[in-house]
Amino acid sequence: MKQLNEIASKRNQSLAQMALAWLLSKDCITSVLIGASKKEQILDNIQALDNLDFSSEEIKAIDEICVKK
């Protein structure tokens, strides 16, 4: 989790924002549902739309962290 937080921080995103952006960047994903109990959480999640582009290095790093080999 620490490594993912570092990547998100470099992208000027929270981990939640980066996760949403990552999901939205996948062609096989047609929609993303968010859960929020406060208005502030919804507003924070919407900010994921400000940075949807991932470099190939970011994708590789995320995949290495998340995908078990």
N, C-alpha and C. Protein backbone atom coordinates (compact mmCIF):
# COMPACT_ATOMS: atom_id res chain seq x y z
N MET A 1 0.82 -1.19 0.00
CA MET A 1 0.00 0.00 0.00
C MET A 1 0.87 1.26 0.00
N LYS A 2 1.99 1.21 0.70
CA LYS A 2 2.88 2.37 0.76
C LYS A 2 3.38 2.73 -0.63
N GLN A 3 3.73 1.73 -1.41
CA GLN A 3 4.23 1.97 -2.77
C GLN A 3 3.17 2.62 -3.65
N LEU A 4 1.93 2.17 -3.51
CA LEU A 4 0.84 2.76 -4.29
C LEU A 4 0.60 4.20 -3.87
N ASN A 5 0.68 4.47 -2.57
CA ASN A 5 0.53 5.84 -2.08
C ASN A 5 1.61 6.74 -2.66
N GLU A 6 2.82 6.23 -2.79
CA GLU A 6 3.92 7.01 -3.36
C GLU A 6 3.65 7.36 -4.82
N ILE A 7 3.15 6.40 -5.57
CA ILE A 7 2.81 6.66 -6.98
C ILE A 7 1.70 7.70 -7.06
N ALA A 8 0.67 7.54 -6.25
CA ALA A 8 -0.44 8.49 -6.24
C ALA A 8 0.04 9.89 -5.89
N SER A 9 0.90 9.97 -4.91
CA SER A 9 1.43 11.27 -4.48
C SER A 9 2.19 11.95 -5.62
N LYS A 10 2.98 11.19 -6.35
CA LYS A 10 3.72 11.75 -7.49
C LYS A 10 2.77 12.24 -8.58
N ARG A 11 1.57 11.64 -8.63
CA ARG A 11 0.55 12.03 -9.61
C ARG A 11 -0.32 13.17 -9.07
N ASN A 12 -0.03 13.64 -7.85
CA ASN A 12 -0.85 14.66 -7.18
C ASN A 12 -2.28 14.19 -6.99
N GLN A 13 -2.41 12.92 -6.61
CA GLN A 13 -3.71 12.33 -6.34
C GLN A 13 -3.67 11.58 -5.02
N SER A 14 -4.84 11.44 -4.44
CA SER A 14 -4.97 10.53 -3.30
C SER A 14 -4.97 9.11 -3.86
N LEU A 15 -4.78 8.14 -3.00
CA LEU A 15 -4.82 6.75 -3.45
C LEU A 15 -6.19 6.41 -4.04
N ALA A 16 -7.24 6.90 -3.41
CA ALA A 16 -8.60 6.65 -3.92
C ALA A 16 -8.78 7.25 -5.31
N GLN A 17 -8.28 8.47 -5.51
CA GLN A 17 -8.40 9.11 -6.82
C GLN A 17 -7.63 8.32 -7.88
N MET A 18 -6.42 7.88 -7.52
CA MET A 18 -5.64 7.12 -8.49
C MET A 18 -6.31 5.80 -8.81
N ALA A 19 -6.88 5.15 -7.82
CA ALA A 19 -7.57 3.87 -8.06
C ALA A 19 -8.74 4.07 -9.02
N LEU A 20 -9.51 5.12 -8.81
CA LEU A 20 -10.63 5.39 -9.71
C LEU A 20 -10.13 5.71 -11.11
N ALA A 21 -9.08 6.53 -11.21
CA ALA A 21 -8.51 6.87 -12.51
C ALA A 21 -7.99 5.62 -13.22
N TRP A 22 -7.34 4.74 -12.47
CA TRP A 22 -6.81 3.50 -13.04
C TRP A 22 -7.95 2.65 -13.60
N LEU A 23 -9.02 2.52 -12.83
CA LEU A 23 -10.17 1.75 -13.32
C LEU A 23 -10.77 2.38 -14.58
N LEU A 24 -10.91 3.70 -14.57
CA LEU A 24 -11.50 4.38 -15.72
C LEU A 24 -10.60 4.32 -16.95
N SER A 25 -9.32 4.06 -16.77
CA SER A 25 -8.40 3.98 -17.91
C SER A 25 -8.45 2.63 -18.62
N LYS A 26 -9.10 1.66 -18.01
CA LYS A 26 -9.19 0.31 -18.59
C LYS A 26 -10.32 0.23 -19.60
N ASP A 27 -10.02 -0.25 -20.80
CA ASP A 27 -11.04 -0.38 -21.84
C ASP A 27 -12.15 -1.35 -21.47
N CYS A 28 -11.82 -2.34 -20.67
CA CYS A 28 -12.80 -3.36 -20.32
C CYS A 28 -13.75 -2.91 -19.20
N ILE A 29 -13.48 -1.78 -18.60
CA ILE A 29 -14.33 -1.25 -17.53
C ILE A 29 -15.30 -0.24 -18.16
N THR A 30 -16.58 -0.46 -17.99
CA THR A 30 -17.57 0.44 -18.58
C THR A 30 -18.14 1.43 -17.58
N SER A 31 -18.04 1.13 -16.30
CA SER A 31 -18.51 2.07 -15.28
C SER A 31 -17.82 1.77 -13.96
N VAL A 32 -17.77 2.78 -13.13
CA VAL A 32 -17.15 2.64 -11.81
C VAL A 32 -18.13 3.19 -10.79
N LEU A 33 -18.43 2.40 -9.80
CA LEU A 33 -19.31 2.84 -8.72
C LEU A 33 -18.46 3.25 -7.53
N ILE A 34 -18.81 4.38 -6.95
CA ILE A 34 -18.07 4.83 -5.77
C ILE A 34 -19.00 4.77 -4.57
N GLY A 35 -18.41 4.59 -3.42
CA GLY A 35 -19.17 4.61 -2.18
C GLY A 35 -18.73 5.82 -1.38
N ALA A 36 -19.68 6.55 -0.91
CA ALA A 36 -19.35 7.73 -0.11
C ALA A 36 -20.47 7.96 0.89
N SER A 37 -20.08 8.39 2.07
CA SER A 37 -21.08 8.71 3.08
C SER A 37 -21.12 10.22 3.36
N LYS A 38 -20.19 10.96 2.73
CA LYS A 38 -20.14 12.41 2.92
C LYS A 38 -19.97 13.10 1.59
N LYS A 39 -20.50 14.29 1.49
CA LYS A 39 -20.38 15.09 0.27
C LYS A 39 -18.91 15.29 -0.10
N GLU A 40 -18.07 15.50 0.89
CA GLU A 40 -16.65 15.74 0.64
C GLU A 40 -15.99 14.55 -0.05
N GLN A 41 -16.42 13.34 0.29
CA GLN A 41 -15.86 12.15 -0.35
C GLN A 41 -16.22 12.10 -1.83
N ILE A 42 -17.42 12.48 -2.14
CA ILE A 42 -17.85 12.50 -3.54
C ILE A 42 -17.04 13.53 -4.31
N LEU A 43 -16.88 14.72 -3.73
CA LEU A 43 -16.11 15.77 -4.39
C LEU A 43 -14.66 15.35 -4.57
N ASP A 44 -14.09 14.66 -3.59
CA ASP A 44 -12.72 14.17 -3.69
C ASP A 44 -12.61 13.14 -4.81
N ASN A 45 -13.57 12.22 -4.88
CA ASN A 45 -13.55 11.19 -5.91
C ASN A 45 -13.67 11.78 -7.31
N ILE A 46 -14.46 12.82 -7.46
CA ILE A 46 -14.64 13.46 -8.76
C ILE A 46 -13.31 14.02 -9.28
N GLN A 47 -12.43 14.42 -8.37
CA GLN A 47 -11.14 14.97 -8.77
C GLN A 47 -10.26 13.94 -9.47
N ALA A 48 -10.61 12.68 -9.40
CA ALA A 48 -9.87 11.65 -10.14
C ALA A 48 -9.92 11.95 -11.64
N LEU A 49 -10.97 12.61 -12.08
CA LEU A 49 -11.13 12.92 -13.50
C LEU A 49 -10.10 13.93 -14.00
N ASP A 50 -9.44 14.62 -13.07
CA ASP A 50 -8.44 15.62 -13.45
C ASP A 50 -7.15 15.00 -13.98
N ASN A 51 -6.92 13.72 -13.71
CA ASN A 51 -5.69 13.07 -14.15
C ASN A 51 -5.96 11.59 -14.44
N LEU A 52 -6.43 11.32 -15.63
CA LEU A 52 -6.76 9.95 -16.02
C LEU A 52 -5.65 9.26 -16.80
N ASP A 53 -4.64 10.01 -17.20
CA ASP A 53 -3.57 9.44 -18.02
C ASP A 53 -2.46 8.86 -17.15
N PHE A 54 -2.03 7.65 -17.49
CA PHE A 54 -0.95 6.98 -16.80
C PHE A 54 0.20 6.78 -17.77
N SER A 55 1.42 7.01 -17.28
CA SER A 55 2.58 6.70 -18.10
C SER A 55 2.78 5.19 -18.11
N SER A 56 3.53 4.71 -19.06
CA SER A 56 3.80 3.27 -19.11
C SER A 56 4.56 2.82 -17.87
N GLU A 57 5.42 3.70 -17.34
CA GLU A 57 6.16 3.38 -16.11
C GLU A 57 5.22 3.24 -14.92
N GLU A 58 4.22 4.12 -14.84
CA GLU A 58 3.26 4.04 -13.73
C GLU A 58 2.45 2.75 -13.81
N ILE A 59 1.99 2.42 -15.01
CA ILE A 59 1.21 1.19 -15.19
C ILE A 59 2.06 -0.02 -14.80
N LYS A 60 3.30 -0.05 -15.25
CA LYS A 60 4.19 -1.18 -14.93
C LYS A 60 4.38 -1.29 -13.42
N ALA A 61 4.62 -0.16 -12.75
CA ALA A 61 4.83 -0.18 -11.30
C ALA A 61 3.58 -0.64 -10.56
N ILE A 62 2.43 -0.15 -10.97
CA ILE A 62 1.17 -0.55 -10.33
C ILE A 62 0.93 -2.04 -10.54
N ASP A 63 1.13 -2.51 -11.76
CA ASP A 63 0.94 -3.93 -12.04
C ASP A 63 1.88 -4.80 -11.22
N GLU A 64 3.12 -4.38 -11.09
CA GLU A 64 4.08 -5.16 -10.30
C GLU A 64 3.68 -5.22 -8.83
N ILE A 65 3.09 -4.15 -8.33
CA ILE A 65 2.67 -4.12 -6.92
C ILE A 65 1.40 -4.97 -6.72
N CYS A 66 0.48 -4.87 -7.66
CA CYS A 66 -0.85 -5.45 -7.47
C CYS A 66 -1.02 -6.87 -7.98
N VAL A 67 -0.27 -7.22 -9.00
CA VAL A 67 -0.46 -8.53 -9.63
C VAL A 67 0.51 -9.53 -9.00
N LYS A 68 -0.04 -10.58 -8.46
CA LYS A 68 0.77 -11.65 -7.89
C LYS A 68 1.35 -12.49 -9.02
N LYS A 69 2.64 -12.77 -8.92
CA LYS A 69 3.28 -13.56 -9.96
C LYS A 69 3.65 -14.92 -9.43
